[in-house]
Amino acid sequence: SFLGCNNDGITNDSEFRLLRVDSAGDLELNNLVLKRGCVDGNSNTETFYGGAILNSGDLVIAKTAFLTNKAHRGGAVYNEGLVTAIRKTTFFNNQANAGGAGFNAGTLTKLSNSTVSGNSVDNLGGGFANTGTLTEILNVTFSGNSGNNGGALSNSSSGVISSLNNSLFHSNSATTSGDDCYNNGGSQSGTNNMSDNASSECTGMLATILTPTTVGGLEDNECVTPFANGNCVKTHALLEGSEAIDLGDINSTNQDQRGFAVNNIRDLGAYEYDSPDDDRIFKNGFE
């Protein structure tokens, strides 16, 4: 546990949720860093949900980083209302019993162009846990998340993941079941995704073909529209010879997680391979 969030059942002055959106509320977050939110407790009541945000209203999240938050459900974000969009956002090192980065019990319309990495849980969904309706996951990197069931994603209790598309699953792990995905009573659909792990319950949604040596480390690989500080959401670059290059189909997106256009045929996963022959304009000019 991080300093000031001991989860010992005793709420100290340093232990508090950062934000709450009530049922009549409407909030948009843009260009923020939300870190060290802490909800101390382990009961299945909303009092102990959402270390950074508990949303019962209408929420939009863009270009925001959630770092080292902790709660019983939804280490960073717990949603029981409507999250219209989460885009260009980083979830890193958040912790929970379920839903290390986020727990969706309401409606999450779109999670896109974001990276969910290094989050952990004791139970379900090291990255995200879903028991509600998650309409679309698009161009998302799930990396190094861990849990008991569903290292990156869990979908249970009649939860629906309608579309999981062009996303990368890398180095996620589960103690019991589903290093990448765990599905228990939910429904899910997706295509053009990629994983380096054959131990998964994302049946029919992941191409488990990624050799670890053909993907780079998690780092800033440039993007079309950087943040105000010049940085971009970190991604895993495809390296020369990767099996994922040019394997997408007609359902693929025409841009990758960084906003770069497709080179001929879309690659599997969230990243479009940077060919040495490409003349792309990066944040510091031409490559």
C-alpha atoms as a PDB file:
ATOM      1  CA  SER A   1       0.000   0.000   0.000  1.00  0.00           C
ATOM      2  CA  PHE A   2       1.157   3.546  -0.629  1.00  0.00           C
ATOM      3  CA  LEU A   3       1.863   6.080   2.087  1.00  0.00           C
ATOM      4  CA  GLY A   4      -1.346   7.344   3.663  1.00  0.00           C
ATOM      5  CA  CYS A   5      -3.675   4.570   2.422  1.00  0.00           C
ATOM      6  CA  ASN A   6      -3.323   1.626   4.754  1.00  0.00           C
ATOM      7  CA  ASN A   7      -6.789   0.094   4.218  1.00  0.00           C
ATOM      8  CA  ASP A   8      -6.969  -0.815   7.890  1.00  0.00           C
ATOM      9  CA  GLY A   9     -10.620   0.171   8.365  1.00  0.00           C
ATOM     10  CA  ILE A  10      -9.673   3.368  10.168  1.00  0.00           C
ATOM     11  CA  THR A  11     -10.135   6.526   8.100  1.00  0.00           C
ATOM     12  CA  ASN A  12      -7.256   8.917   8.681  1.00  0.00           C
ATOM     13  CA  ASP A  13      -7.001  12.566   7.641  1.00  0.00           C
ATOM     14  CA  SER A  14      -4.901  11.599   4.623  1.00  0.00           C
ATOM     15  CA  GLU A  15      -7.485   9.093   3.367  1.00  0.00           C
ATOM     16  CA  PHE A  16     -10.227  10.585   1.211  1.00  0.00           C
ATOM     17  CA  ARG A  17     -11.851  10.305  -2.210  1.00  0.00           C
ATOM     18  CA  LEU A  18     -10.859  13.123  -4.539  1.00  0.00           C
ATOM     19  CA  LEU A  19     -14.163  13.737  -6.368  1.00  0.00           C
ATOM     20  CA  ARG A  20     -17.803  12.655  -6.297  1.00  0.00           C
ATOM     21  CA  VAL A  21     -20.399  13.316  -9.005  1.00  0.00           C
ATOM     22  CA  ASP A  22     -23.964  13.018  -7.668  1.00  0.00           C
ATOM     23  CA  SER A  23     -26.880  11.714  -9.756  1.00  0.00           C
ATOM     24  CA  ALA A  24     -27.823  15.197 -10.976  1.00  0.00           C
ATOM     25  CA  GLY A  25     -24.195  16.169 -11.596  1.00  0.00           C
ATOM     26  CA  ASP A  26     -22.362  16.719 -14.874  1.00  0.00           C
ATOM     27  CA  LEU A  27     -18.556  16.840 -14.917  1.00  0.00           C
ATOM     28  CA  GLU A  28     -15.855  16.955 -17.587  1.00  0.00           C
ATOM     29  CA  LEU A  29     -12.215  16.379 -16.620  1.00  0.00           C
ATOM     30  CA  ASN A  30      -9.517  17.583 -19.007  1.00  0.00           C
ATOM     31  CA  ASN A  31      -5.733  17.802 -18.664  1.00  0.00           C
ATOM     32  CA  LEU A  32      -5.584  16.767 -15.013  1.00  0.00           C
ATOM     33  CA  VAL A  33      -3.529  14.467 -12.804  1.00  0.00           C
ATOM     34  CA  LEU A  34      -5.543  12.737 -10.067  1.00  0.00           C
ATOM     35  CA  LYS A  35      -3.391  10.774  -7.652  1.00  0.00           C
ATOM     36  CA  ARG A  36      -3.361   9.230  -4.181  1.00  0.00           C
ATOM     37  CA  GLY A  37      -7.119   9.233  -3.728  1.00  0.00           C
ATOM     38  CA  CYS A  38      -7.945   6.742  -1.009  1.00  0.00           C
ATOM     39  CA  VAL A  39     -11.161   5.160   0.237  1.00  0.00           C
ATOM     40  CA  ASP A  40     -10.357   3.048   3.294  1.00  0.00           C
ATOM     41  CA  GLY A  41     -12.735   0.124   3.766  1.00  0.00           C
ATOM     42  CA  ASN A  42     -13.618  -3.272   2.356  1.00  0.00           C
ATOM     43  CA  SER A  43     -17.425  -3.470   2.366  1.00  0.00           C
ATOM     44  CA  ASN A  44     -19.519  -3.766  -0.797  1.00  0.00           C
ATOM     45  CA  THR A  45     -21.151  -0.359  -0.407  1.00  0.00           C
ATOM     46  CA  GLU A  46     -20.488   2.773  -2.435  1.00  0.00           C
ATOM     47  CA  THR A  47     -18.930   4.396   0.629  1.00  0.00           C
ATOM     48  CA  PHE A  48     -15.829   2.405  -0.228  1.00  0.00           C
ATOM     49  CA  TYR A  49     -15.904   2.790  -4.028  1.00  0.00           C
ATOM     50  CA  GLY A  50     -13.879   5.054  -6.326  1.00  0.00           C
ATOM     51  CA  GLY A  51     -10.550   6.171  -4.910  1.00  0.00           C
ATOM     52  CA  ALA A  52     -10.312   9.180  -7.236  1.00  0.00           C
ATOM     53  CA  ILE A  53     -13.911   9.481  -8.504  1.00  0.00           C
ATOM     54  CA  LEU A  54     -17.290   8.018  -7.601  1.00  0.00           C
ATOM     55  CA  ASN A  55     -19.669   8.868 -10.440  1.00  0.00           C
ATOM     56  CA  SER A  56     -23.451   8.655 -10.162  1.00  0.00           C
ATOM     57  CA  GLY A  57     -24.095  11.367 -12.751  1.00  0.00           C
ATOM     58  CA  ASP A  58     -22.688  12.176 -16.200  1.00  0.00           C
ATOM     59  CA  LEU A  59     -18.904  12.139 -16.594  1.00  0.00           C
ATOM     60  CA  VAL A  60     -16.386  12.756 -19.403  1.00  0.00           C
ATOM     61  CA  ILE A  61     -12.658  12.158 -18.907  1.00  0.00           C
ATOM     62  CA  ALA A  62     -10.006  13.359 -21.379  1.00  0.00           C
ATOM     63  CA  LYS A  63      -6.220  13.714 -21.305  1.00  0.00           C
ATOM     64  CA  THR A  64      -6.088  12.843 -17.614  1.00  0.00           C
ATOM     65  CA  ALA A  65      -3.765  10.635 -15.564  1.00  0.00           C
ATOM     66  CA  PHE A  66      -4.969   8.530 -12.629  1.00  0.00           C
ATOM     67  CA  LEU A  67      -1.977   7.536 -10.519  1.00  0.00           C
ATOM     68  CA  THR A  68      -1.761   5.432  -7.349  1.00  0.00           C
ATOM     69  CA  ASN A  69      -5.390   5.638  -6.239  1.00  0.00           C
ATOM     70  CA  LYS A  70      -7.026   2.978  -4.066  1.00  0.00           C
ATOM     71  CA  ALA A  71     -10.520   1.786  -3.104  1.00  0.00           C
ATOM     72  CA  HIS A  72     -12.468  -1.419  -2.503  1.00  0.00           C
ATOM     73  CA  ARG A  73     -14.047  -1.177  -5.974  1.00  0.00           C
ATOM     74  CA  GLY A  74     -12.692   1.052  -8.706  1.00  0.00           C
ATOM     75  CA  GLY A  75      -9.249   2.026  -7.493  1.00  0.00           C
ATOM     76  CA  ALA A  76      -9.359   5.164  -9.640  1.00  0.00           C
ATOM     77  CA  VAL A  77     -12.943   5.389 -10.956  1.00  0.00           C
ATOM     78  CA  TYR A  78     -16.203   3.756  -9.914  1.00  0.00           C
ATOM     79  CA  ASN A  79     -19.149   4.411 -12.232  1.00  0.00           C
ATOM     80  CA  GLU A  80     -22.786   3.716 -11.401  1.00  0.00           C
ATOM     81  CA  GLY A  81     -24.101   6.476 -13.672  1.00  0.00           C
ATOM     82  CA  LEU A  82     -23.037   7.427 -17.210  1.00  0.00           C
ATOM     83  CA  VAL A  83     -19.478   7.899 -18.396  1.00  0.00           C
ATOM     84  CA  THR A  84     -19.863   9.241 -21.917  1.00  0.00           C
ATOM     85  CA  ALA A  85     -16.179   8.960 -22.785  1.00  0.00           C
ATOM     86  CA  ILE A  86     -12.737   8.217 -21.414  1.00  0.00           C
ATOM     87  CA  ARG A  87     -10.119   9.185 -23.993  1.00  0.00           C
ATOM     88  CA  LYS A  88      -6.368   9.830 -24.149  1.00  0.00           C
ATOM     89  CA  THR A  89      -6.089   8.928 -20.478  1.00  0.00           C
ATOM     90  CA  THR A  90      -3.577   6.980 -18.387  1.00  0.00           C
ATOM     91  CA  PHE A  91      -4.430   4.665 -15.489  1.00  0.00           C
ATOM     92  CA  PHE A  92      -1.264   3.613 -13.659  1.00  0.00           C
ATOM     93  CA  ASN A  93      -0.586   1.799 -10.385  1.00  0.00           C
ATOM     94  CA  ASN A  94      -4.120   1.970  -9.014  1.00  0.00           C
ATOM     95  CA  GLN A  95      -5.334  -0.717  -6.584  1.00  0.00           C
ATOM     96  CA  ALA A  96      -8.632  -2.269  -5.513  1.00  0.00           C
ATOM     97  CA  ASN A  97     -10.351  -5.497  -4.598  1.00  0.00           C
ATOM     98  CA  ALA A  98     -12.153  -5.310  -7.969  1.00  0.00           C
ATOM     99  CA  GLY A  99     -11.491  -2.972 -10.881  1.00  0.00           C
ATOM    100  CA  GLY A 100      -7.970  -1.731 -10.206  1.00  0.00           C
ATOM    101  CA  ALA A 101      -8.241   1.191 -12.621  1.00  0.00           C
ATOM    102  CA  GLY A 102     -12.010   1.311 -12.955  1.00  0.00           C
ATOM    103  CA  PHE A 103     -15.232  -0.489 -12.089  1.00  0.00           C
ATOM    104  CA  ASN A 104     -18.242   0.061 -14.352  1.00  0.00           C
ATOM    105  CA  ALA A 105     -21.630  -0.817 -12.867  1.00  0.00           C
ATOM    106  CA  GLY A 106     -23.519   1.722 -14.985  1.00  0.00           C
ATOM    107  CA  THR A 107     -22.910   2.712 -18.609  1.00  0.00           C
ATOM    108  CA  LEU A 108     -19.492   3.479 -20.039  1.00  0.00           C
ATOM    109  CA  THR A 109     -20.056   4.504 -23.636  1.00  0.00           C
ATOM    110  CA  LYS A 110     -16.480   4.625 -24.912  1.00  0.00           C
ATOM    111  CA  LEU A 111     -12.989   3.943 -23.556  1.00  0.00           C
ATOM    112  CA  SER A 112     -10.497   4.918 -26.244  1.00  0.00           C
ATOM    113  CA  ASN A 113      -6.899   5.888 -27.039  1.00  0.00           C
ATOM    114  CA  SER A 114      -5.862   5.238 -23.454  1.00  0.00           C
ATOM    115  CA  THR A 115      -3.350   3.100 -21.563  1.00  0.00           C
ATOM    116  CA  VAL A 116      -4.203   0.970 -18.534  1.00  0.00           C
ATOM    117  CA  SER A 117      -0.961  -0.269 -16.969  1.00  0.00           C
ATOM    118  CA  GLY A 118       0.438  -1.601 -13.721  1.00  0.00           C
ATOM    119  CA  ASN A 119      -2.904  -1.726 -11.914  1.00  0.00           C
ATOM    120  CA  SER A 120      -3.747  -4.555  -9.519  1.00  0.00           C
ATOM    121  CA  VAL A 121      -6.599  -6.176  -7.600  1.00  0.00           C
ATOM    122  CA  ASP A 122      -7.105  -8.928  -5.064  1.00  0.00           C
ATOM    123  CA  ASN A 123     -10.089 -10.294  -6.969  1.00  0.00           C
ATOM    124  CA  LEU A 124     -11.620  -9.238 -10.311  1.00  0.00           C
ATOM    125  CA  GLY A 125     -10.294  -7.065 -13.130  1.00  0.00           C
ATOM    126  CA  GLY A 126      -6.778  -5.767 -12.584  1.00  0.00           C
ATOM    127  CA  GLY A 127      -7.451  -3.106 -15.207  1.00  0.00           C
ATOM    128  CA  PHE A 128     -11.233  -2.741 -15.518  1.00  0.00           C
ATOM    129  CA  ALA A 129     -14.138  -4.690 -14.035  1.00  0.00           C
ATOM    130  CA  ASN A 130     -17.528  -4.497 -15.743  1.00  0.00           C
ATOM    131  CA  THR A 131     -20.956  -5.525 -14.477  1.00  0.00           C
ATOM    132  CA  GLY A 132     -22.852  -2.896 -16.465  1.00  0.00           C
ATOM    133  CA  THR A 133     -22.780  -1.845 -20.119  1.00  0.00           C
ATOM    134  CA  LEU A 134     -19.430  -1.035 -21.681  1.00  0.00           C
ATOM    135  CA  THR A 135     -20.314  -0.115 -25.227  1.00  0.00           C
ATOM    136  CA  GLU A 136     -16.894   0.288 -26.826  1.00  0.00           C
ATOM    137  CA  ILE A 137     -13.214  -0.217 -26.029  1.00  0.00           C
ATOM    138  CA  LEU A 138     -11.100   1.118 -28.898  1.00  0.00           C
ATOM    139  CA  ASN A 139      -7.341   1.603 -29.347  1.00  0.00           C
ATOM    140  CA  VAL A 140      -6.510   0.837 -25.718  1.00  0.00           C
ATOM    141  CA  THR A 141      -3.295  -0.637 -24.295  1.00  0.00           C
ATOM    142  CA  PHE A 142      -3.652  -3.007 -21.317  1.00  0.00           C
ATOM    143  CA  SER A 143      -0.168  -3.673 -19.965  1.00  0.00           C
ATOM    144  CA  GLY A 144       1.204  -5.276 -16.819  1.00  0.00           C
ATOM    145  CA  ASN A 145      -2.078  -5.435 -14.913  1.00  0.00           C
ATOM    146  CA  SER A 146      -2.722  -8.236 -12.426  1.00  0.00           C
ATOM    147  CA  GLY A 147      -5.461  -9.864 -10.382  1.00  0.00           C
ATOM    148  CA  ASN A 148      -6.972 -13.127  -9.239  1.00  0.00           C
ATOM    149  CA  ASN A 149      -9.486 -13.395 -12.105  1.00  0.00           C
ATOM    150  CA  GLY A 150      -8.993 -11.216 -15.167  1.00  0.00           C
ATOM    151  CA  GLY A 151      -5.575  -9.596 -15.099  1.00  0.00           C
ATOM    152  CA  ALA A 152      -6.675  -6.850 -17.490  1.00  0.00           C
ATOM    153  CA  LEU A 153     -10.478  -7.168 -17.777  1.00  0.00           C
ATOM    154  CA  SER A 154     -13.320  -8.910 -15.998  1.00  0.00           C
ATOM    155  CA  ASN A 155     -16.894  -9.041 -17.263  1.00  0.00           C
ATOM    156  CA  SER A 156     -19.470 -10.586 -14.940  1.00  0.00           C
ATOM    157  CA  SER A 157     -23.005 -10.459 -13.509  1.00  0.00           C
ATOM    158  CA  SER A 158     -24.642 -10.079 -16.948  1.00  0.00           C
ATOM    159  CA  GLY A 159     -22.208  -7.322 -17.884  1.00  0.00           C
ATOM    160  CA  VAL A 160     -21.986  -6.413 -21.570  1.00  0.00           C
ATOM    161  CA  ILE A 161     -18.864  -5.451 -23.506  1.00  0.00           C
ATOM    162  CA  SER A 162     -20.348  -4.694 -26.920  1.00  0.00           C
ATOM    163  CA  SER A 163     -17.166  -3.957 -28.864  1.00  0.00           C
ATOM    164  CA  LEU A 164     -13.496  -4.480 -28.024  1.00  0.00           C
ATOM    165  CA  ASN A 165     -11.484  -3.405 -31.039  1.00  0.00           C
ATOM    166  CA  ASN A 166      -7.854  -2.719 -31.991  1.00  0.00           C
ATOM    167  CA  SER A 167      -6.501  -3.041 -28.468  1.00  0.00           C
ATOM    168  CA  LEU A 168      -3.275  -4.548 -27.122  1.00  0.00           C
ATOM    169  CA  PHE A 169      -2.934  -6.902 -24.153  1.00  0.00           C
ATOM    170  CA  HIS A 170       0.673  -7.267 -22.979  1.00  0.00           C
ATOM    171  CA  SER A 171       2.143  -8.934 -19.878  1.00  0.00           C
ATOM    172  CA  ASN A 172      -1.096  -9.076 -17.893  1.00  0.00           C
ATOM    173  CA  SER A 173      -1.444 -11.869 -15.342  1.00  0.00           C
ATOM    174  CA  ALA A 174      -4.059 -13.646 -13.230  1.00  0.00           C
ATOM    175  CA  THR A 175      -3.531 -15.998 -10.310  1.00  0.00           C
ATOM    176  CA  THR A 176      -6.589 -18.153 -11.040  1.00  0.00           C
ATOM    177  CA  SER A 177      -8.161 -17.474 -14.432  1.00  0.00           C
ATOM    178  CA  GLY A 178      -7.882 -15.197 -17.455  1.00  0.00           C
ATOM    179  CA  ASP A 179      -4.559 -13.379 -17.652  1.00  0.00           C
ATOM    180  CA  ASP A 180      -6.142 -10.920 -20.078  1.00  0.00           C
ATOM    181  CA  CYS A 181      -9.883 -11.455 -19.642  1.00  0.00           C
ATOM    182  CA  TYR A 182     -12.252 -13.164 -17.258  1.00  0.00           C
ATOM    183  CA  ASN A 183     -15.879 -13.647 -18.242  1.00  0.00           C
ATOM    184  CA  ASN A 184     -18.455 -14.977 -15.781  1.00  0.00           C
ATOM    185  CA  GLY A 185     -22.041 -14.570 -16.936  1.00  0.00           C
ATOM    186  CA  GLY A 186     -21.418 -11.596 -19.203  1.00  0.00           C
ATOM    187  CA  SER A 187     -21.470 -11.141 -22.980  1.00  0.00           C
ATOM    188  CA  GLN A 188     -18.647  -9.713 -25.049  1.00  0.00           C
ATOM    189  CA  SER A 189     -17.615  -9.158 -28.645  1.00  0.00           C
ATOM    190  CA  GLY A 190     -14.521  -7.835 -30.383  1.00  0.00           C
ATOM    191  CA  THR A 191     -11.979  -8.086 -33.175  1.00  0.00           C
ATOM    192  CA  ASN A 192      -8.510  -6.993 -34.332  1.00  0.00           C
ATOM    193  CA  ASN A 193      -7.059  -7.204 -30.842  1.00  0.00           C
ATOM    194  CA  MET A 194      -3.720  -8.730 -29.932  1.00  0.00           C
ATOM    195  CA  SER A 195      -2.214 -10.522 -26.956  1.00  0.00           C
ATOM    196  CA  ASP A 196       1.081 -12.146 -25.992  1.00  0.00           C
ATOM    197  CA  ASN A 197      -0.724 -14.502 -23.623  1.00  0.00           C
ATOM    198  CA  ALA A 198      -2.579 -17.664 -24.543  1.00  0.00           C
ATOM    199  CA  SER A 199      -4.215 -17.888 -21.107  1.00  0.00           C
ATOM    200  CA  SER A 200      -7.327 -15.828 -21.654  1.00  0.00           C
ATOM    201  CA  GLU A 201     -11.108 -15.981 -21.635  1.00  0.00           C
ATOM    202  CA  CYS A 202     -11.491 -13.354 -24.354  1.00  0.00           C
ATOM    203  CA  THR A 203     -12.772 -16.136 -26.601  1.00  0.00           C
ATOM    204  CA  GLY A 204     -12.771 -15.084 -30.240  1.00  0.00           C
ATOM    205  CA  MET A 205     -11.636 -11.552 -29.422  1.00  0.00           C
ATOM    206  CA  LEU A 206      -7.842 -11.852 -29.136  1.00  0.00           C
ATOM    207  CA  ALA A 207      -5.210 -13.024 -31.576  1.00  0.00           C
ATOM    208  CA  THR A 208      -2.625 -14.573 -29.251  1.00  0.00           C
ATOM    209  CA  ILE A 209       0.253 -14.206 -31.678  1.00  0.00           C
ATOM    210  CA  LEU A 210       2.410 -11.463 -30.215  1.00  0.00           C
ATOM    211  CA  THR A 211       5.984 -12.540 -29.534  1.00  0.00           C
ATOM    212  CA  PRO A 212       7.341 -10.430 -26.651  1.00  0.00           C
ATOM    213  CA  THR A 213      10.538  -9.689 -28.585  1.00  0.00           C
ATOM    214  CA  THR A 214       8.547  -7.961 -31.342  1.00  0.00           C
ATOM    215  CA  VAL A 215       7.063  -5.288 -29.105  1.00  0.00           C
ATOM    216  CA  GLY A 216       8.905  -2.430 -27.436  1.00  0.00           C
ATOM    217  CA  GLY A 217       8.684  -1.224 -23.867  1.00  0.00           C
ATOM    218  CA  LEU A 218       5.930   1.039 -22.575  1.00  0.00           C
ATOM    219  CA  GLU A 219       7.077   4.541 -23.475  1.00  0.00           C
ATOM    220  CA  ASP A 220       6.195   7.815 -25.165  1.00  0.00           C
ATOM    221  CA  ASN A 221       6.174   6.931 -28.866  1.00  0.00           C
ATOM    222  CA  GLU A 222       4.946  10.335 -30.029  1.00  0.00           C
ATOM    223  CA  CYS A 223       1.387  11.152 -31.120  1.00  0.00           C
ATOM    224  CA  VAL A 224      -0.505  13.433 -33.463  1.00  0.00           C
ATOM    225  CA  THR A 225      -1.832  15.731 -30.722  1.00  0.00           C
ATOM    226  CA  PRO A 226       0.414  15.893 -27.630  1.00  0.00           C
ATOM    227  CA  PHE A 227      -0.697  17.203 -24.259  1.00  0.00           C
ATOM    228  CA  ALA A 228       0.046  20.777 -23.219  1.00  0.00           C
ATOM    229  CA  ASN A 229       3.356  19.627 -21.703  1.00  0.00           C
ATOM    230  CA  GLY A 230       4.395  17.972 -24.962  1.00  0.00           C
ATOM    231  CA  ASN A 231       3.935  14.399 -23.755  1.00  0.00           C
ATOM    232  CA  CYS A 232       1.744  11.604 -25.113  1.00  0.00           C
ATOM    233  CA  VAL A 233       0.028   8.595 -23.559  1.00  0.00           C
ATOM    234  CA  LYS A 234       2.603   5.792 -23.401  1.00  0.00           C
ATOM    235  CA  THR A 235       2.277   2.873 -25.810  1.00  0.00           C
ATOM    236  CA  HIS A 236       4.059  -0.343 -26.818  1.00  0.00           C
ATOM    237  CA  ALA A 237       5.586   0.067 -30.288  1.00  0.00           C
ATOM    238  CA  LEU A 238       5.461  -2.795 -32.763  1.00  0.00           C
ATOM    239  CA  LEU A 239       8.993  -3.678 -33.816  1.00  0.00           C
ATOM    240  CA  GLU A 240      10.240  -4.814 -37.212  1.00  0.00           C
ATOM    241  CA  GLY A 241       9.102  -8.353 -37.937  1.00  0.00           C
ATOM    242  CA  SER A 242       6.103  -8.290 -35.605  1.00  0.00           C
ATOM    243  CA  GLU A 243       3.432 -10.832 -36.517  1.00  0.00           C
ATOM    244  CA  ALA A 244       0.744  -8.175 -36.018  1.00  0.00           C
ATOM    245  CA  ILE A 245       1.763  -5.991 -38.960  1.00  0.00           C
ATOM    246  CA  ASP A 246      -0.906  -5.722 -41.704  1.00  0.00           C
ATOM    247  CA  LEU A 247      -3.191  -8.365 -40.173  1.00  0.00           C
ATOM    248  CA  GLY A 248      -6.238  -6.180 -39.541  1.00  0.00           C
ATOM    249  CA  ASP A 249      -9.521  -6.584 -41.411  1.00  0.00           C
ATOM    250  CA  ILE A 250     -12.328  -4.352 -42.660  1.00  0.00           C
ATOM    251  CA  ASN A 251     -13.497  -3.767 -39.087  1.00  0.00           C
ATOM    252  CA  SER A 252     -10.199  -2.145 -38.122  1.00  0.00           C
ATOM    253  CA  THR A 253      -9.900   1.529 -37.280  1.00  0.00           C
ATOM    254  CA  ASN A 254      -8.214   3.937 -39.696  1.00  0.00           C
ATOM    255  CA  GLN A 255      -6.018   5.448 -36.949  1.00  0.00           C
ATOM    256  CA  ASP A 256      -3.983   3.925 -34.149  1.00  0.00           C
ATOM    257  CA  GLN A 257      -3.971   4.852 -30.448  1.00  0.00           C
ATOM    258  CA  ARG A 258      -1.607   7.758 -31.133  1.00  0.00           C
ATOM    259  CA  GLY A 259      -3.811   9.184 -33.889  1.00  0.00           C
ATOM    260  CA  PHE A 260      -1.560   8.151 -36.779  1.00  0.00           C
ATOM    261  CA  ALA A 261      -3.175   6.994 -40.006  1.00  0.00           C
ATOM    262  CA  VAL A 262      -3.004   3.435 -41.276  1.00  0.00           C
ATOM    263  CA  ASN A 263      -0.112   2.336 -43.484  1.00  0.00           C
ATOM    264  CA  ASN A 264      -1.915   0.355 -46.200  1.00  0.00           C
ATOM    265  CA  ILE A 265      -3.532  -2.343 -43.987  1.00  0.00           C
ATOM    266  CA  ARG A 266      -4.242  -1.777 -40.291  1.00  0.00           C
ATOM    267  CA  ASP A 267      -2.068  -3.716 -37.875  1.00  0.00           C
ATOM    268  CA  LEU A 268      -3.596  -5.751 -35.066  1.00  0.00           C
ATOM    269  CA  GLY A 269      -3.741  -4.062 -31.684  1.00  0.00           C
ATOM    270  CA  ALA A 270      -3.502  -0.417 -30.682  1.00  0.00           C
ATOM    271  CA  TYR A 271      -0.268   0.560 -32.450  1.00  0.00           C
ATOM    272  CA  GLU A 272       0.444   1.047 -36.148  1.00  0.00           C
ATOM    273  CA  TYR A 273       3.982  -0.012 -37.063  1.00  0.00           C
ATOM    274  CA  ASP A 274       6.338   2.876 -37.848  1.00  0.00           C
ATOM    275  CA  SER A 275       7.969   1.861 -41.100  1.00  0.00           C
ATOM    276  CA  PRO A 276      11.382   3.461 -41.772  1.00  0.00           C
ATOM    277  CA  ASP A 277       9.924   4.660 -45.079  1.00  0.00           C
ATOM    278  CA  ASP A 278       7.143   6.683 -43.418  1.00  0.00           C
ATOM    279  CA  ASP A 279       7.316  10.480 -43.342  1.00  0.00           C
ATOM    280  CA  ARG A 280       5.151  11.176 -40.333  1.00  0.00           C
ATOM    281  CA  ILE A 281       5.018  14.523 -38.587  1.00  0.00           C
ATOM    282  CA  PHE A 282       5.823  14.057 -34.917  1.00  0.00           C
ATOM    283  CA  LYS A 283       5.525  16.585 -32.114  1.00  0.00           C
ATOM    284  CA  ASN A 284       9.093  17.764 -32.797  1.00  0.00           C
ATOM    285  CA  GLY A 285       8.773  17.808 -36.580  1.00  0.00           C
ATOM    286  CA  PHE A 286       9.495  15.069 -39.126  1.00  0.00           C
ATOM    287  CA  GLU A 287      10.932  11.812 -37.887  1.00  0.00           C
END
